[in-house]
Amino acid sequence: MKVNSFYPVIMSNDVKKTSKFYKKHFGFLVLFEANWYISLKKEETGHELAIIDATHETIPSSYRKAAQGLILNFEVENADHIYQQFIKEAQLLIHLDIRDEEFG
């Protein structure tokens, strides 16, 4: 099997607001935009991410709710600097404070 693309699609109750977050803080650019779906990409890395309206008809009705229990892992070169930017300067909400782990 040849896979041409693979990327997470986040189901959101506010597609534009969610997209704005990833564009502003992670530097994603819009590849495609509709009122119910936005496809994003980081040009320098090729990483992709999409946001879809959680109530859209293309999603089976029993799954039409915002994403829950999802972790998107962004590994960065200088976590302390990013923490300063995101948490201290931009005052983004944090659920688990930065810490050193025994695995890295």
PDB file of N, CA and C in Angstrom:
ATOM      1  N   MET A   1       0.836  -1.171   0.000  1.00  0.00           N
ATOM      2  CA  MET A   1       0.000   0.000   0.000  1.00  0.00           C
ATOM      3  C   MET A   1       0.888   1.245   0.000  1.00  0.00           C
ATOM      4  N   LYS A   2       0.572   2.165  -0.870  1.00  0.00           N
ATOM      5  CA  LYS A   2       1.277   3.444  -0.909  1.00  0.00           C
ATOM      6  C   LYS A   2       0.409   4.499  -0.226  1.00  0.00           C
ATOM      7  N   VAL A   3       0.924   5.085   0.854  1.00  0.00           N
ATOM      8  CA  VAL A   3       0.220   6.143   1.570  1.00  0.00           C
ATOM      9  C   VAL A   3       0.733   7.485   1.060  1.00  0.00           C
ATOM     10  N   ASN A   4      -0.154   8.292   0.536  1.00  0.00           N
ATOM     11  CA  ASN A   4       0.233   9.595  -0.001  1.00  0.00           C
ATOM     12  C   ASN A   4       0.302  10.679   1.062  1.00  0.00           C
ATOM     13  N   SER A   5      -0.478  10.520   2.117  1.00  0.00           N
ATOM     14  CA  SER A   5      -0.521  11.532   3.159  1.00  0.00           C
ATOM     15  C   SER A   5      -1.099  10.911   4.422  1.00  0.00           C
ATOM     16  N   PHE A   6      -0.675  11.428   5.573  1.00  0.00           N
ATOM     17  CA  PHE A   6      -1.201  10.978   6.856  1.00  0.00           C
ATOM     18  C   PHE A   6      -1.124  12.152   7.815  1.00  0.00           C
ATOM     19  N   TYR A   7      -2.256  12.522   8.409  1.00  0.00           N
ATOM     20  CA  TYR A   7      -2.267  13.655   9.325  1.00  0.00           C
ATOM     21  C   TYR A   7      -3.487  13.568  10.231  1.00  0.00           C
ATOM     22  N   PRO A   8      -3.385  14.148  11.449  1.00  0.00           N
ATOM     23  CA  PRO A   8      -4.535  14.160  12.349  1.00  0.00           C
ATOM     24  C   PRO A   8      -5.576  15.180  11.889  1.00  0.00           C
ATOM     25  N   VAL A   9      -6.836  14.849  12.141  1.00  0.00           N
ATOM     26  CA  VAL A   9      -7.945  15.762  11.888  1.00  0.00           C
ATOM     27  C   VAL A   9      -8.657  15.954  13.225  1.00  0.00           C
ATOM     28  N   ILE A  10      -8.640  17.176  13.734  1.00  0.00           N
ATOM     29  CA  ILE A  10      -9.239  17.484  15.022  1.00  0.00           C
ATOM     30  C   ILE A  10     -10.697  17.903  14.821  1.00  0.00           C
ATOM     31  N   MET A  11     -11.604  17.253  15.531  1.00  0.00           N
ATOM     32  CA  MET A  11     -13.007  17.651  15.496  1.00  0.00           C
ATOM     33  C   MET A  11     -13.201  18.762  16.524  1.00  0.00           C
ATOM     34  N   SER A  12     -13.754  19.875  16.076  1.00  0.00           N
ATOM     35  CA  SER A  12     -13.853  21.072  16.918  1.00  0.00           C
ATOM     36  C   SER A  12     -15.240  21.697  16.816  1.00  0.00           C
ATOM     37  N   ASN A  13     -15.657  22.358  17.878  1.00  0.00           N
ATOM     38  CA  ASN A  13     -16.904  23.120  17.849  1.00  0.00           C
ATOM     39  C   ASN A  13     -16.701  24.519  17.280  1.00  0.00           C
ATOM     40  N   ASP A  14     -15.431  24.918  17.076  1.00  0.00           N
ATOM     41  CA  ASP A  14     -15.124  26.226  16.504  1.00  0.00           C
ATOM     42  C   ASP A  14     -13.911  26.077  15.587  1.00  0.00           C
ATOM     43  N   VAL A  15     -14.174  25.745  14.338  1.00  0.00           N
ATOM     44  CA  VAL A  15     -13.120  25.456  13.357  1.00  0.00           C
ATOM     45  C   VAL A  15     -12.186  26.642  13.167  1.00  0.00           C
ATOM     46  N   LYS A  16     -12.730  27.823  12.996  1.00  0.00           N
ATOM     47  CA  LYS A  16     -11.892  29.009  12.760  1.00  0.00           C
ATOM     48  C   LYS A  16     -11.010  29.333  13.963  1.00  0.00           C
ATOM     49  N   LYS A  17     -11.564  29.266  15.161  1.00  0.00           N
ATOM     50  CA  LYS A  17     -10.792  29.567  16.368  1.00  0.00           C
ATOM     51  C   LYS A  17      -9.677  28.538  16.568  1.00  0.00           C
ATOM     52  N   THR A  18      -9.977  27.276  16.363  1.00  0.00           N
ATOM     53  CA  THR A  18      -8.963  26.230  16.510  1.00  0.00           C
ATOM     54  C   THR A  18      -7.861  26.403  15.480  1.00  0.00           C
ATOM     55  N   SER A  19      -8.237  26.680  14.248  1.00  0.00           N
ATOM     56  CA  SER A  19      -7.262  26.912  13.185  1.00  0.00           C
ATOM     57  C   SER A  19      -6.388  28.115  13.500  1.00  0.00           C
ATOM     58  N   LYS A  20      -7.003  29.183  13.985  1.00  0.00           N
ATOM     59  CA  LYS A  20      -6.258  30.401  14.330  1.00  0.00           C
ATOM     60  C   LYS A  20      -5.180  30.106  15.373  1.00  0.00           C
ATOM     61  N   PHE A  21      -5.501  29.255  16.351  1.00  0.00           N
ATOM     62  CA  PHE A  21      -4.545  28.877  17.385  1.00  0.00           C
ATOM     63  C   PHE A  21      -3.304  28.229  16.776  1.00  0.00           C
ATOM     64  N   TYR A  22      -3.485  27.255  15.890  1.00  0.00           N
ATOM     65  CA  TYR A  22      -2.349  26.545  15.294  1.00  0.00           C
ATOM     66  C   TYR A  22      -1.588  27.422  14.302  1.00  0.00           C
ATOM     67  N   LYS A  23      -2.264  28.333  13.635  1.00  0.00           N
ATOM     68  CA  LYS A  23      -1.578  29.268  12.745  1.00  0.00           C
ATOM     69  C   LYS A  23      -0.731  30.251  13.549  1.00  0.00           C
ATOM     70  N   LYS A  24      -1.306  30.816  14.585  1.00  0.00           N
ATOM     71  CA  LYS A  24      -0.620  31.840  15.374  1.00  0.00           C
ATOM     72  C   LYS A  24       0.563  31.280  16.167  1.00  0.00           C
ATOM     73  N   HIS A  25       0.359  30.171  16.853  1.00  0.00           N
ATOM     74  CA  HIS A  25       1.360  29.681  17.787  1.00  0.00           C
ATOM     75  C   HIS A  25       2.325  28.646  17.205  1.00  0.00           C
ATOM     76  N   PHE A  26       1.931  27.982  16.125  1.00  0.00           N
ATOM     77  CA  PHE A  26       2.793  26.947  15.550  1.00  0.00           C
ATOM     78  C   PHE A  26       3.222  27.235  14.118  1.00  0.00           C
ATOM     79  N   GLY A  27       2.729  28.313  13.548  1.00  0.00           N
ATOM     80  CA  GLY A  27       3.163  28.722  12.217  1.00  0.00           C
ATOM     81  C   GLY A  27       2.582  27.918  11.067  1.00  0.00           C
ATOM     82  N   PHE A  28       1.450  27.263  11.281  1.00  0.00           N
ATOM     83  CA  PHE A  28       0.799  26.537  10.186  1.00  0.00           C
ATOM     84  C   PHE A  28       0.202  27.514   9.192  1.00  0.00           C
ATOM     85  N   LEU A  29       0.168  27.115   7.935  1.00  0.00           N
ATOM     86  CA  LEU A  29      -0.450  27.891   6.867  1.00  0.00           C
ATOM     87  C   LEU A  29      -1.661  27.131   6.347  1.00  0.00           C
ATOM     88  N   VAL A  30      -2.643  27.861   5.824  1.00  0.00           N
ATOM     89  CA  VAL A  30      -3.862  27.248   5.306  1.00  0.00           C
ATOM     90  C   VAL A  30      -3.610  26.688   3.907  1.00  0.00           C
ATOM     91  N   LEU A  31      -3.934  25.405   3.724  1.00  0.00           N
ATOM     92  CA  LEU A  31      -3.884  24.778   2.400  1.00  0.00           C
ATOM     93  C   LEU A  31      -5.254  24.823   1.735  1.00  0.00           C
ATOM     94  N   PHE A  32      -6.282  24.595   2.547  1.00  0.00           N
ATOM     95  CA  PHE A  32      -7.660  24.574   2.061  1.00  0.00           C
ATOM     96  C   PHE A  32      -8.559  25.052   3.188  1.00  0.00           C
ATOM     97  N   GLU A  33      -9.580  25.852   2.824  1.00  0.00           N
ATOM     98  CA  GLU A  33     -10.488  26.339   3.854  1.00  0.00           C
ATOM     99  C   GLU A  33     -11.924  26.338   3.349  1.00  0.00           C
ATOM    100  N   ALA A  34     -12.789  25.751   4.139  1.00  0.00           N
ATOM    101  CA  ALA A  34     -14.235  25.816   3.945  1.00  0.00           C
ATOM    102  C   ALA A  34     -14.810  26.220   5.299  1.00  0.00           C
ATOM    103  N   ASN A  35     -16.098  26.501   5.366  1.00  0.00           N
ATOM    104  CA  ASN A  35     -16.653  26.910   6.657  1.00  0.00           C
ATOM    105  C   ASN A  35     -16.699  25.759   7.661  1.00  0.00           C
ATOM    106  N   TRP A  36     -16.526  24.526   7.220  1.00  0.00           N
ATOM    107  CA  TRP A  36     -16.612  23.353   8.101  1.00  0.00           C
ATOM    108  C   TRP A  36     -15.301  22.561   8.198  1.00  0.00           C
ATOM    109  N   TYR A  37     -14.281  22.934   7.422  1.00  0.00           N
ATOM    110  CA  TYR A  37     -13.031  22.166   7.375  1.00  0.00           C
ATOM    111  C   TYR A  37     -11.881  23.075   6.965  1.00  0.00           C
ATOM    112  N   ILE A  38     -10.771  22.972   7.673  1.00  0.00           N
ATOM    113  CA  ILE A  38      -9.564  23.731   7.321  1.00  0.00           C
ATOM    114  C   ILE A  38      -8.373  22.785   7.363  1.00  0.00           C
ATOM    115  N   SER A  39      -7.610  22.774   6.284  1.00  0.00           N
ATOM    116  CA  SER A  39      -6.397  21.965   6.196  1.00  0.00           C
ATOM    117  C   SER A  39      -5.194  22.882   6.357  1.00  0.00           C
ATOM    118  N   LEU A  40      -4.280  22.498   7.258  1.00  0.00           N
ATOM    119  CA  LEU A  40      -3.108  23.313   7.582  1.00  0.00           C
ATOM    120  C   LEU A  40      -1.818  22.547   7.291  1.00  0.00           C
ATOM    121  N   LYS A  41      -0.743  23.300   7.034  1.00  0.00           N
ATOM    122  CA  LYS A  41       0.550  22.678   6.785  1.00  0.00           C
ATOM    123  C   LYS A  41       1.667  23.621   7.219  1.00  0.00           C
ATOM    124  N   LYS A  42       2.745  23.040   7.750  1.00  0.00           N
ATOM    125  CA  LYS A  42       3.965  23.801   8.039  1.00  0.00           C
ATOM    126  C   LYS A  42       4.896  23.584   6.847  1.00  0.00           C
ATOM    127  N   GLU A  43       5.149  24.632   6.112  1.00  0.00           N
ATOM    128  CA  GLU A  43       5.942  24.506   4.889  1.00  0.00           C
ATOM    129  C   GLU A  43       7.337  23.972   5.136  1.00  0.00           C
ATOM    130  N   GLU A  44       8.001  24.469   6.196  1.00  0.00           N
ATOM    131  CA  GLU A  44       9.400  24.085   6.411  1.00  0.00           C
ATOM    132  C   GLU A  44       9.567  22.630   6.839  1.00  0.00           C
ATOM    133  N   THR A  45       8.522  22.027   7.402  1.00  0.00           N
ATOM    134  CA  THR A  45       8.633  20.637   7.863  1.00  0.00           C
ATOM    135  C   THR A  45       7.745  19.675   7.089  1.00  0.00           C
ATOM    136  N   GLY A  46       6.697  20.197   6.471  1.00  0.00           N
ATOM    137  CA  GLY A  46       5.746  19.345   5.764  1.00  0.00           C
ATOM    138  C   GLY A  46       4.673  18.760   6.670  1.00  0.00           C
ATOM    139  N   HIS A  47       4.728  19.072   7.964  1.00  0.00           N
ATOM    140  CA  HIS A  47       3.711  18.552   8.881  1.00  0.00           C
ATOM    141  C   HIS A  47       2.340  19.117   8.527  1.00  0.00           C
ATOM    142  N   GLU A  48       1.317  18.263   8.619  1.00  0.00           N
ATOM    143  CA  GLU A  48      -0.037  18.679   8.300  1.00  0.00           C
ATOM    144  C   GLU A  48      -0.972  18.439   9.473  1.00  0.00           C
ATOM    145  N   LEU A  49      -2.053  19.206   9.493  1.00  0.00           N
ATOM    146  CA  LEU A  49      -3.075  19.116  10.517  1.00  0.00           C
ATOM    147  C   LEU A  49      -4.358  19.642   9.893  1.00  0.00           C
ATOM    148  N   ALA A  50      -5.471  19.043  10.228  1.00  0.00           N
ATOM    149  CA  ALA A  50      -6.752  19.541   9.723  1.00  0.00           C
ATOM    150  C   ALA A  50      -7.721  19.696  10.884  1.00  0.00           C
ATOM    151  N   ILE A  51      -8.676  20.603  10.700  1.00  0.00           N
ATOM    152  CA  ILE A  51      -9.700  20.872  11.692  1.00  0.00           C
ATOM    153  C   ILE A  51     -11.045  20.708  10.988  1.00  0.00           C
ATOM    154  N   ILE A  52     -11.959  19.950  11.624  1.00  0.00           N
ATOM    155  CA  ILE A  52     -13.286  19.749  11.041  1.00  0.00           C
ATOM    156  C   ILE A  52     -14.353  20.094  12.072  1.00  0.00           C
ATOM    157  N   ASP A  53     -15.459  20.639  11.592  1.00  0.00           N
ATOM    158  CA  ASP A  53     -16.600  20.928  12.453  1.00  0.00           C
ATOM    159  C   ASP A  53     -17.121  19.603  13.013  1.00  0.00           C
ATOM    160  N   ALA A  54     -17.163  19.509  14.336  1.00  0.00           N
ATOM    161  CA  ALA A  54     -17.544  18.261  15.005  1.00  0.00           C
ATOM    162  C   ALA A  54     -18.963  17.823  14.681  1.00  0.00           C
ATOM    163  N   THR A  55     -19.784  18.727  14.167  1.00  0.00           N
ATOM    164  CA  THR A  55     -21.173  18.375  13.854  1.00  0.00           C
ATOM    165  C   THR A  55     -21.396  18.121  12.366  1.00  0.00           C
ATOM    166  N   HIS A  56     -20.335  18.101  11.580  1.00  0.00           N
ATOM    167  CA  HIS A  56     -20.505  17.978  10.131  1.00  0.00           C
ATOM    168  C   HIS A  56     -21.052  16.613   9.734  1.00  0.00           C
ATOM    169  N   GLU A  57     -21.874  16.610   8.698  1.00  0.00           N
ATOM    170  CA  GLU A  57     -22.570  15.400   8.235  1.00  0.00           C
ATOM    171  C   GLU A  57     -21.647  14.284   7.739  1.00  0.00           C
ATOM    172  N   THR A  58     -20.391  14.602   7.423  1.00  0.00           N
ATOM    173  CA  THR A  58     -19.476  13.548   6.969  1.00  0.00           C
ATOM    174  C   THR A  58     -18.982  12.682   8.114  1.00  0.00           C
ATOM    175  N   ILE A  59     -19.225  13.128   9.339  1.00  0.00           N
ATOM    176  CA  ILE A  59     -18.840  12.358  10.525  1.00  0.00           C
ATOM    177  C   ILE A  59     -20.049  11.529  10.952  1.00  0.00           C
ATOM    178  N   PRO A  60     -19.885  10.237  11.197  1.00  0.00           N
ATOM    179  CA  PRO A  60     -21.020   9.439  11.661  1.00  0.00           C
ATOM    180  C   PRO A  60     -21.677  10.090  12.878  1.00  0.00           C
ATOM    181  N   SER A  61     -22.983  10.106  12.909  1.00  0.00           N
ATOM    182  CA  SER A  61     -23.721  10.857  13.935  1.00  0.00           C
ATOM    183  C   SER A  61     -23.315  10.502  15.364  1.00  0.00           C
ATOM    184  N   SER A  62     -22.979   9.264  15.630  1.00  0.00           N
ATOM    185  CA  SER A  62     -22.610   8.868  16.996  1.00  0.00           C
ATOM    186  C   SER A  62     -21.244   9.417  17.423  1.00  0.00           C
ATOM    187  N   TYR A  63     -20.478   9.991  16.476  1.00  0.00           N
ATOM    188  CA  TYR A  63     -19.152  10.533  16.784  1.00  0.00           C
ATOM    189  C   TYR A  63     -19.101  12.051  16.672  1.00  0.00           C
ATOM    190  N   ARG A  64     -20.200  12.710  16.469  1.00  0.00           N
ATOM    191  CA  ARG A  64     -20.226  14.167  16.273  1.00  0.00           C
ATOM    192  C   ARG A  64     -20.111  14.923  17.585  1.00  0.00           C
ATOM    193  N   LYS A  65     -18.887  15.022  18.067  1.00  0.00           N
ATOM    194  CA  LYS A  65     -18.584  15.786  19.273  1.00  0.00           C
ATOM    195  C   LYS A  65     -17.128  16.221  19.195  1.00  0.00           C
ATOM    196  N   ALA A  66     -16.779  17.230  19.955  1.00  0.00           N
ATOM    197  CA  ALA A  66     -15.410  17.744  19.935  1.00  0.00           C
ATOM    198  C   ALA A  66     -14.429  16.668  20.391  1.00  0.00           C
ATOM    199  N   ALA A  67     -13.203  16.768  19.912  1.00  0.00           N
ATOM    200  CA  ALA A  67     -12.151  15.804  20.262  1.00  0.00           C
ATOM    201  C   ALA A  67     -11.936  15.777  21.766  1.00  0.00           C
ATOM    202  N   GLN A  68     -11.682  14.579  22.272  1.00  0.00           N
ATOM    203  CA  GLN A  68     -11.460  14.400  23.694  1.00  0.00           C
ATOM    204  C   GLN A  68     -10.444  13.279  23.869  1.00  0.00           C
ATOM    205  N   GLY A  69      -9.524  13.446  24.805  1.00  0.00           N
ATOM    206  CA  GLY A  69      -8.539  12.400  25.047  1.00  0.00           C
ATOM    207  C   GLY A  69      -7.508  12.278  23.940  1.00  0.00           C
ATOM    208  N   LEU A  70      -7.204  13.367  23.288  1.00  0.00           N
ATOM    209  CA  LEU A  70      -6.253  13.382  22.177  1.00  0.00           C
ATOM    210  C   LEU A  70      -5.004  14.141  22.602  1.00  0.00           C
ATOM    211  N   ILE A  71      -3.844  13.589  22.296  1.00  0.00           N
ATOM    212  CA  ILE A  71      -2.585  14.281  22.564  1.00  0.00           C
ATOM    213  C   ILE A  71      -1.883  14.517  21.234  1.00  0.00           C
ATOM    214  N   LEU A  72      -1.549  15.767  20.969  1.00  0.00           N
ATOM    215  CA  LEU A  72      -0.702  16.103  19.822  1.00  0.00           C
ATOM    216  C   LEU A  72       0.657  16.446  20.405  1.00  0.00           C
ATOM    217  N   ASN A  73       1.661  15.685  20.048  1.00  0.00           N
ATOM    218  CA  ASN A  73       2.989  15.828  20.636  1.00  0.00           C
ATOM    219  C   ASN A  73       3.879  16.649  19.702  1.00  0.00           C
ATOM    220  N   PHE A  74       4.289  17.823  20.158  1.00  0.00           N
ATOM    221  CA  PHE A  74       5.198  18.682  19.404  1.00  0.00           C
ATOM    222  C   PHE A  74       6.544  18.679  20.113  1.00  0.00           C
ATOM    223  N   GLU A  75       7.539  18.079  19.505  1.00  0.00           N
ATOM    224  CA  GLU A  75       8.887  18.093  20.083  1.00  0.00           C
ATOM    225  C   GLU A  75       9.618  19.314  19.547  1.00  0.00           C
ATOM    226  N   VAL A  76      10.210  20.078  20.463  1.00  0.00           N
ATOM    227  CA  VAL A  76      10.891  21.322  20.095  1.00  0.00           C
ATOM    228  C   VAL A  76      12.314  21.311  20.626  1.00  0.00           C
ATOM    229  N   GLU A  77      13.146  22.160  20.055  1.00  0.00           N
ATOM    230  CA  GLU A  77      14.552  22.218  20.459  1.00  0.00           C
ATOM    231  C   GLU A  77      14.740  22.840  21.830  1.00  0.00           C
ATOM    232  N   ASN A  78      13.970  23.855  22.175  1.00  0.00           N
ATOM    233  CA  ASN A  78      14.168  24.559  23.427  1.00  0.00           C
ATOM    234  C   ASN A  78      12.835  24.704  24.159  1.00  0.00           C
ATOM    235  N   ALA A  79      12.471  23.687  24.918  1.00  0.00           N
ATOM    236  CA  ALA A  79      11.174  23.653  25.599  1.00  0.00           C
ATOM    237  C   ALA A  79      11.012  24.817  26.577  1.00  0.00           C
ATOM    238  N   ASP A  80      12.083  25.198  27.267  1.00  0.00           N
ATOM    239  CA  ASP A  80      11.992  26.305  28.223  1.00  0.00           C
ATOM    240  C   ASP A  80      11.641  27.621  27.517  1.00  0.00           C
ATOM    241  N   HIS A  81      12.208  27.843  26.349  1.00  0.00           N
ATOM    242  CA  HIS A  81      11.917  29.050  25.572  1.00  0.00           C
ATOM    243  C   HIS A  81      10.458  29.043  25.092  1.00  0.00           C
ATOM    244  N   ILE A  82      10.006  27.925  24.591  1.00  0.00           N
ATOM    245  CA  ILE A  82       8.624  27.802  24.114  1.00  0.00           C
ATOM    246  C   ILE A  82       7.651  27.982  25.278  1.00  0.00           C
ATOM    247  N   TYR A  83       7.981  27.403  26.421  1.00  0.00           N
ATOM    248  CA  TYR A  83       7.170  27.588  27.627  1.00  0.00           C
ATOM    249  C   TYR A  83       7.048  29.077  27.961  1.00  0.00           C
ATOM    250  N   GLN A  84       8.158  29.777  27.916  1.00  0.00           N
ATOM    251  CA  GLN A  84       8.161  31.218  28.191  1.00  0.00           C
ATOM    252  C   GLN A  84       7.237  31.942  27.205  1.00  0.00           C
ATOM    253  N   GLN A  85       7.350  31.609  25.933  1.00  0.00           N
ATOM    254  CA  GLN A  85       6.534  32.248  24.895  1.00  0.00           C
ATOM    255  C   GLN A  85       5.046  31.950  25.072  1.00  0.00           C
ATOM    256  N   PHE A  86       4.714  30.686  25.200  1.00  0.00           N
ATOM    257  CA  PHE A  86       3.318  30.269  25.204  1.00  0.00           C
ATOM    258  C   PHE A  86       2.616  30.524  26.535  1.00  0.00           C
ATOM    259  N   ILE A  87       3.251  30.163  27.626  1.00  0.00           N
ATOM    260  CA  ILE A  87       2.594  30.214  28.927  1.00  0.00           C
ATOM    261  C   ILE A  87       2.773  31.574  29.605  1.00  0.00           C
ATOM    262  N   LYS A  88       3.985  32.061  29.647  1.00  0.00           N
ATOM    263  CA  LYS A  88       4.245  33.330  30.336  1.00  0.00           C
ATOM    264  C   LYS A  88       3.824  34.537  29.494  1.00  0.00           C
ATOM    265  N   GLU A  89       4.231  34.585  28.228  1.00  0.00           N
ATOM    266  CA  GLU A  89       3.966  35.759  27.402  1.00  0.00           C
ATOM    267  C   GLU A  89       2.568  35.740  26.782  1.00  0.00           C
ATOM    268  N   ALA A  90       2.200  34.653  26.121  1.00  0.00           N
ATOM    269  CA  ALA A  90       0.891  34.573  25.456  1.00  0.00           C
ATOM    270  C   ALA A  90      -0.216  34.174  26.433  1.00  0.00           C
ATOM    271  N   GLN A  91       0.161  33.723  27.614  1.00  0.00           N
ATOM    272  CA  GLN A  91      -0.769  33.317  28.669  1.00  0.00           C
ATOM    273  C   GLN A  91      -1.772  32.264  28.203  1.00  0.00           C
ATOM    274  N   LEU A  92      -1.248  31.281  27.477  1.00  0.00           N
ATOM    275  CA  LEU A  92      -2.099  30.163  27.065  1.00  0.00           C
ATOM    276  C   LEU A  92      -2.407  29.292  28.270  1.00  0.00           C
ATOM    277  N   LEU A  93      -3.545  28.662  28.241  1.00  0.00           N
ATOM    278  CA  LEU A  93      -3.979  27.781  29.323  1.00  0.00           C
ATOM    279  C   LEU A  93      -3.069  26.560  29.396  1.00  0.00           C
ATOM    280  N   ILE A  94      -2.685  26.179  30.604  1.00  0.00           N
ATOM    281  CA  ILE A  94      -1.838  25.012  30.801  1.00  0.00           C
ATOM    282  C   ILE A  94      -2.549  24.053  31.754  1.00  0.00           C
ATOM    283  N   HIS A  95      -2.542  22.779  31.424  1.00  0.00           N
ATOM    284  CA  HIS A  95      -3.207  21.765  32.252  1.00  0.00           C
ATOM    285  C   HIS A  95      -2.213  20.948  33.062  1.00  0.00           C
ATOM    286  N   LEU A  96      -0.974  20.894  32.615  1.00  0.00           N
ATOM    287  CA  LEU A  96       0.074  20.154  33.313  1.00  0.00           C
ATOM    288  C   LEU A  96       1.361  20.946  33.131  1.00  0.00           C
ATOM    289  N   ASP A  97       1.931  21.410  34.222  1.00  0.00           N
ATOM    290  CA  ASP A  97       3.090  22.291  34.139  1.00  0.00           C
ATOM    291  C   ASP A  97       4.314  21.566  33.587  1.00  0.00           C
ATOM    292  N   ILE A  98       5.226  22.339  33.025  1.00  0.00           N
ATOM    293  CA  ILE A  98       6.465  21.813  32.449  1.00  0.00           C
ATOM    294  C   ILE A  98       7.287  21.141  33.546  1.00  0.00           C
ATOM    295  N   ARG A  99       7.944  20.057  33.182  1.00  0.00           N
ATOM    296  CA  ARG A  99       8.790  19.324  34.148  1.00  0.00           C
ATOM    297  C   ARG A  99       9.741  18.429  33.381  1.00  0.00           C
ATOM    298  N   ASP A 100      10.794  18.027  34.059  1.00  0.00           N
ATOM    299  CA  ASP A 100      11.730  17.060  33.493  1.00  0.00           C
ATOM    300  C   ASP A 100      11.198  15.660  33.775  1.00  0.00           C
ATOM    301  N   GLU A 101      11.320  14.782  32.799  1.00  0.00           N
ATOM    302  CA  GLU A 101      10.901  13.387  32.947  1.00  0.00           C
ATOM    303  C   GLU A 101      12.150  12.512  32.893  1.00  0.00           C
ATOM    304  N   GLU A 102      12.103  11.354  33.513  1.00  0.00           N
ATOM    305  CA  GLU A 102      13.248  10.457  33.498  1.00  0.00           C
ATOM    306  C   GLU A 102      13.538   9.912  32.100  1.00  0.00           C
ATOM    307  N   PHE A 103      12.536   9.948  31.204  1.00  0.00           N
ATOM    308  CA  PHE A 103      12.739   9.446  29.842  1.00  0.00           C
ATOM    309  C   PHE A 103      13.129  10.544  28.862  1.00  0.00           C
ATOM    310  N   GLY A 104      13.265  11.766  29.348  1.00  0.00           N
ATOM    311  CA  GLY A 104      13.720  12.854  28.477  1.00  0.00           C
ATOM    312  C   GLY A 104      12.879  14.079  28.541  1.00  0.00           C
TER     313      GLY A 104
END
